[in-house]
Amino acid sequence: MPVTSLRMPSARPPEVAKIKIKSQIKSQIKSQIKSQIKSCAGFEEVGQRHLCQR
């Protein structure tokens, strides 16, 4: 019986893993930006200077 692939059948190809990691990083960055906007909104209304206002 010839061996067609040394990779396990349950393993993902590296291209799929890279795409999944990139999408996870993008979603983490988006959630961080959203949380920063929420935390800065109150400071901007009061008129205080905050780290978000550069």
PDB file of N, CA and C in Angstrom:
ATOM      1  N   MET A   1       0.848  -1.182   0.000  1.00  0.00           N
ATOM      2  CA  MET A   1       0.000   0.000   0.000  1.00  0.00           C
ATOM      3  C   MET A   1       0.894   1.247   0.000  1.00  0.00           C
ATOM      4  N   PRO A   2       0.792   2.091  -1.008  1.00  0.00           N
ATOM      5  CA  PRO A   2       1.640   3.286  -1.062  1.00  0.00           C
ATOM      6  C   PRO A   2       1.190   4.362  -0.071  1.00  0.00           C
ATOM      7  N   VAL A   3       2.168   5.051   0.464  1.00  0.00           N
ATOM      8  CA  VAL A   3       1.874   6.148   1.389  1.00  0.00           C
ATOM      9  C   VAL A   3       1.756   7.423   0.560  1.00  0.00           C
ATOM     10  N   THR A   4       0.567   8.012   0.552  1.00  0.00           N
ATOM     11  CA  THR A   4       0.351   9.209  -0.271  1.00  0.00           C
ATOM     12  C   THR A   4       0.724  10.485   0.468  1.00  0.00           C
ATOM     13  N   SER A   5       0.575  10.474   1.777  1.00  0.00           N
ATOM     14  CA  SER A   5       0.874  11.682   2.534  1.00  0.00           C
ATOM     15  C   SER A   5       1.351  11.299   3.927  1.00  0.00           C
ATOM     16  N   LEU A   6       2.324  12.022   4.415  1.00  0.00           N
ATOM     17  CA  LEU A   6       2.805  11.787   5.772  1.00  0.00           C
ATOM     18  C   LEU A   6       1.993  12.576   6.790  1.00  0.00           C
ATOM     19  N   ARG A   7       1.207  13.528   6.316  1.00  0.00           N
ATOM     20  CA  ARG A   7       0.392  14.350   7.210  1.00  0.00           C
ATOM     21  C   ARG A   7      -0.800  13.539   7.704  1.00  0.00           C
ATOM     22  N   MET A   8      -1.160  13.746   8.949  1.00  0.00           N
ATOM     23  CA  MET A   8      -2.323  13.064   9.505  1.00  0.00           C
ATOM     24  C   MET A   8      -3.584  13.591   8.825  1.00  0.00           C
ATOM     25  N   PRO A   9      -4.579  12.752   8.618  1.00  0.00           N
ATOM     26  CA  PRO A   9      -5.795  13.223   7.943  1.00  0.00           C
ATOM     27  C   PRO A   9      -6.547  14.295   8.724  1.00  0.00           C
ATOM     28  N   SER A  10      -6.400  14.310  10.040  1.00  0.00           N
ATOM     29  CA  SER A  10      -7.121  15.297  10.842  1.00  0.00           C
ATOM     30  C   SER A  10      -6.397  16.640  10.893  1.00  0.00           C
ATOM     31  N   ALA A  11      -5.145  16.680  10.461  1.00  0.00           N
ATOM     32  CA  ALA A  11      -4.370  17.921  10.537  1.00  0.00           C
ATOM     33  C   ALA A  11      -4.783  18.877   9.421  1.00  0.00           C
ATOM     34  N   ARG A  12      -4.748  20.192   9.743  1.00  0.00           N
ATOM     35  CA  ARG A  12      -5.076  21.209   8.737  1.00  0.00           C
ATOM     36  C   ARG A  12      -3.847  21.507   7.905  1.00  0.00           C
ATOM     37  N   PRO A  13      -4.039  21.894   6.666  1.00  0.00           N
ATOM     38  CA  PRO A  13      -2.896  22.376   5.889  1.00  0.00           C
ATOM     39  C   PRO A  13      -2.387  23.697   6.466  1.00  0.00           C
ATOM     40  N   PRO A  14      -1.117  24.014   6.321  1.00  0.00           N
ATOM     41  CA  PRO A  14      -0.576  25.237   6.920  1.00  0.00           C
ATOM     42  C   PRO A  14      -1.237  26.507   6.395  1.00  0.00           C
ATOM     43  N   GLU A  15      -1.707  26.495   5.146  1.00  0.00           N
ATOM     44  CA  GLU A  15      -2.351  27.688   4.603  1.00  0.00           C
ATOM     45  C   GLU A  15      -3.638  28.003   5.363  1.00  0.00           C
ATOM     46  N   VAL A  16      -4.395  26.970   5.682  1.00  0.00           N
ATOM     47  CA  VAL A  16      -5.647  27.164   6.413  1.00  0.00           C
ATOM     48  C   VAL A  16      -5.352  27.679   7.815  1.00  0.00           C
ATOM     49  N   ALA A  17      -4.312  27.154   8.435  1.00  0.00           N
ATOM     50  CA  ALA A  17      -3.949  27.594   9.780  1.00  0.00           C
ATOM     51  C   ALA A  17      -3.547  29.066   9.768  1.00  0.00           C
ATOM     52  N   LYS A  18      -2.794  29.494   8.754  1.00  0.00           N
ATOM     53  CA  LYS A  18      -2.377  30.893   8.667  1.00  0.00           C
ATOM     54  C   LYS A  18      -3.575  31.810   8.506  1.00  0.00           C
ATOM     55  N   ILE A  19      -4.521  31.416   7.661  1.00  0.00           N
ATOM     56  CA  ILE A  19      -5.710  32.242   7.441  1.00  0.00           C
ATOM     57  C   ILE A  19      -6.520  32.352   8.728  1.00  0.00           C
ATOM     58  N   LYS A  20      -6.637  31.252   9.449  1.00  0.00           N
ATOM     59  CA  LYS A  20      -7.408  31.264  10.691  1.00  0.00           C
ATOM     60  C   LYS A  20      -6.740  32.156  11.733  1.00  0.00           C
ATOM     61  N   ILE A  21      -5.421  32.091  11.846  1.00  0.00           N
ATOM     62  CA  ILE A  21      -4.693  32.924  12.802  1.00  0.00           C
ATOM     63  C   ILE A  21      -4.858  34.397  12.450  1.00  0.00           C
ATOM     64  N   LYS A  22      -4.764  34.733  11.155  1.00  0.00           N
ATOM     65  CA  LYS A  22      -4.930  36.126  10.740  1.00  0.00           C
ATOM     66  C   LYS A  22      -6.316  36.642  11.084  1.00  0.00           C
ATOM     67  N   SER A  23      -7.341  35.838  10.869  1.00  0.00           N
ATOM     68  CA  SER A  23      -8.701  36.277  11.171  1.00  0.00           C
ATOM     69  C   SER A  23      -8.891  36.447  12.675  1.00  0.00           C
ATOM     70  N   GLN A  24      -8.261  35.597  13.480  1.00  0.00           N
ATOM     71  CA  GLN A  24      -8.355  35.743  14.930  1.00  0.00           C
ATOM     72  C   GLN A  24      -7.682  37.030  15.385  1.00  0.00           C
ATOM     73  N   ILE A  25      -6.523  37.358  14.814  1.00  0.00           N
ATOM     74  CA  ILE A  25      -5.813  38.578  15.186  1.00  0.00           C
ATOM     75  C   ILE A  25      -6.641  39.800  14.810  1.00  0.00           C
ATOM     76  N   LYS A  26      -7.238  39.781  13.617  1.00  0.00           N
ATOM     77  CA  LYS A  26      -8.070  40.908  13.190  1.00  0.00           C
ATOM     78  C   LYS A  26      -9.246  41.111  14.131  1.00  0.00           C
ATOM     79  N   SER A  27      -9.894  40.033  14.544  1.00  0.00           N
ATOM     80  CA  SER A  27     -11.041  40.163  15.435  1.00  0.00           C
ATOM     81  C   SER A  27     -10.611  40.672  16.809  1.00  0.00           C
ATOM     82  N   GLN A  28      -9.432  40.267  17.281  1.00  0.00           N
ATOM     83  CA  GLN A  28      -8.935  40.765  18.565  1.00  0.00           C
ATOM     84  C   GLN A  28      -8.649  42.258  18.489  1.00  0.00           C
ATOM     85  N   ILE A  29      -8.053  42.714  17.383  1.00  0.00           N
ATOM     86  CA  ILE A  29      -7.749  44.134  17.221  1.00  0.00           C
ATOM     87  C   ILE A  29      -9.042  44.939  17.172  1.00  0.00           C
ATOM     88  N   LYS A  30     -10.041  44.441  16.451  1.00  0.00           N
ATOM     89  CA  LYS A  30     -11.319  45.145  16.369  1.00  0.00           C
ATOM     90  C   LYS A  30     -11.960  45.273  17.739  1.00  0.00           C
ATOM     91  N   SER A  31     -11.924  44.210  18.539  1.00  0.00           N
ATOM     92  CA  SER A  31     -12.535  44.266  19.863  1.00  0.00           C
ATOM     93  C   SER A  31     -11.772  45.221  20.774  1.00  0.00           C
ATOM     94  N   GLN A  32     -10.443  45.296  20.641  1.00  0.00           N
ATOM     95  CA  GLN A  32      -9.665  46.237  21.441  1.00  0.00           C
ATOM     96  C   GLN A  32     -10.006  47.670  21.067  1.00  0.00           C
ATOM     97  N   ILE A  33     -10.162  47.943  19.774  1.00  0.00           N
ATOM     98  CA  ILE A  33     -10.506  49.294  19.331  1.00  0.00           C
ATOM     99  C   ILE A  33     -11.887  49.677  19.854  1.00  0.00           C
ATOM    100  N   LYS A  34     -12.838  48.748  19.786  1.00  0.00           N
ATOM    101  CA  LYS A  34     -14.181  49.036  20.284  1.00  0.00           C
ATOM    102  C   LYS A  34     -14.156  49.345  21.773  1.00  0.00           C
ATOM    103  N   SER A  35     -13.388  48.592  22.546  1.00  0.00           N
ATOM    104  CA  SER A  35     -13.332  48.833  23.990  1.00  0.00           C
ATOM    105  C   SER A  35     -12.659  50.165  24.293  1.00  0.00           C
ATOM    106  N   GLN A  36     -11.658  50.555  23.496  1.00  0.00           N
ATOM    107  CA  GLN A  36     -11.014  51.851  23.697  1.00  0.00           C
ATOM    108  C   GLN A  36     -11.978  52.983  23.387  1.00  0.00           C
ATOM    109  N   ILE A  37     -12.776  52.829  22.338  1.00  0.00           N
ATOM    110  CA  ILE A  37     -13.744  53.864  21.984  1.00  0.00           C
ATOM    111  C   ILE A  37     -14.781  54.007  23.095  1.00  0.00           C
ATOM    112  N   LYS A  38     -15.246  52.893  23.637  1.00  0.00           N
ATOM    113  CA  LYS A  38     -16.232  52.946  24.715  1.00  0.00           C
ATOM    114  C   LYS A  38     -15.648  53.615  25.953  1.00  0.00           C
ATOM    115  N   SER A  39     -14.407  53.310  26.294  1.00  0.00           N
ATOM    116  CA  SER A  39     -13.801  53.880  27.496  1.00  0.00           C
ATOM    117  C   SER A  39     -13.473  55.354  27.308  1.00  0.00           C
ATOM    118  N   CYS A  40     -13.236  55.787  26.077  1.00  0.00           N
ATOM    119  CA  CYS A  40     -12.884  57.183  25.821  1.00  0.00           C
ATOM    120  C   CYS A  40     -14.112  58.061  25.661  1.00  0.00           C
ATOM    121  N   ALA A  41     -15.260  57.504  25.363  1.00  0.00           N
ATOM    122  CA  ALA A  41     -16.450  58.304  25.085  1.00  0.00           C
ATOM    123  C   ALA A  41     -16.822  59.159  26.294  1.00  0.00           C
ATOM    124  N   GLY A  42     -16.777  58.607  27.484  1.00  0.00           N
ATOM    125  CA  GLY A  42     -17.127  59.364  28.678  1.00  0.00           C
ATOM    126  C   GLY A  42     -16.163  60.503  28.942  1.00  0.00           C
ATOM    127  N   PHE A  43     -14.886  60.296  28.683  1.00  0.00           N
ATOM    128  CA  PHE A  43     -13.898  61.336  28.930  1.00  0.00           C
ATOM    129  C   PHE A  43     -14.047  62.488  27.945  1.00  0.00           C
ATOM    130  N   GLU A  44     -14.396  62.189  26.717  1.00  0.00           N
ATOM    131  CA  GLU A  44     -14.548  63.244  25.719  1.00  0.00           C
ATOM    132  C   GLU A  44     -15.759  64.116  26.035  1.00  0.00           C
ATOM    133  N   GLU A  45     -16.829  63.532  26.574  1.00  0.00           N
ATOM    134  CA  GLU A  45     -18.011  64.310  26.913  1.00  0.00           C
ATOM    135  C   GLU A  45     -17.707  65.282  28.044  1.00  0.00           C
ATOM    136  N   VAL A  46     -16.947  64.859  29.017  1.00  0.00           N
ATOM    137  CA  VAL A  46     -16.618  65.707  30.155  1.00  0.00           C
ATOM    138  C   VAL A  46     -15.615  66.775  29.742  1.00  0.00           C
ATOM    139  N   GLY A  47     -14.806  66.480  28.746  1.00  0.00           N
ATOM    140  CA  GLY A  47     -13.820  67.444  28.282  1.00  0.00           C
ATOM    141  C   GLY A  47     -12.445  67.218  28.895  1.00  0.00           C
ATOM    142  N   GLN A  48     -12.276  66.137  29.617  1.00  0.00           N
ATOM    143  CA  GLN A  48     -10.969  65.846  30.203  1.00  0.00           C
ATOM    144  C   GLN A  48     -10.049  65.268  29.137  1.00  0.00           C
ATOM    145  N   ARG A  49      -8.764  65.426  29.358  1.00  0.00           N
ATOM    146  CA  ARG A  49      -7.805  64.868  28.414  1.00  0.00           C
ATOM    147  C   ARG A  49      -7.583  63.402  28.774  1.00  0.00           C
ATOM    148  N   HIS A  50      -7.522  62.572  27.773  1.00  0.00           N
ATOM    149  CA  HIS A  50      -7.372  61.134  27.993  1.00  0.00           C
ATOM    150  C   HIS A  50      -6.339  60.604  27.018  1.00  0.00           C
ATOM    151  N   LEU A  51      -5.898  59.371  27.239  1.00  0.00           N
ATOM    152  CA  LEU A  51      -4.884  58.778  26.367  1.00  0.00           C
ATOM    153  C   LEU A  51      -5.370  58.636  24.931  1.00  0.00           C
ATOM    154  N   CYS A  52      -6.672  58.538  24.729  1.00  0.00           N
ATOM    155  CA  CYS A  52      -7.201  58.356  23.376  1.00  0.00           C
ATOM    156  C   CYS A  52      -7.094  59.632  22.557  1.00  0.00           C
ATOM    157  N   GLN A  53      -7.045  60.772  23.209  1.00  0.00           N
ATOM    158  CA  GLN A  53      -6.938  62.042  22.485  1.00  0.00           C
ATOM    159  C   GLN A  53      -5.475  62.379  22.336  1.00  0.00           C
ATOM    160  N   ARG A  54      -4.951  62.162  21.152  1.00  0.00           N
ATOM    161  CA  ARG A  54      -3.527  62.420  20.941  1.00  0.00           C
ATOM    162  C   ARG A  54      -3.328  63.678  20.156  1.00  0.00           C
TER     163      ARG A  54
END
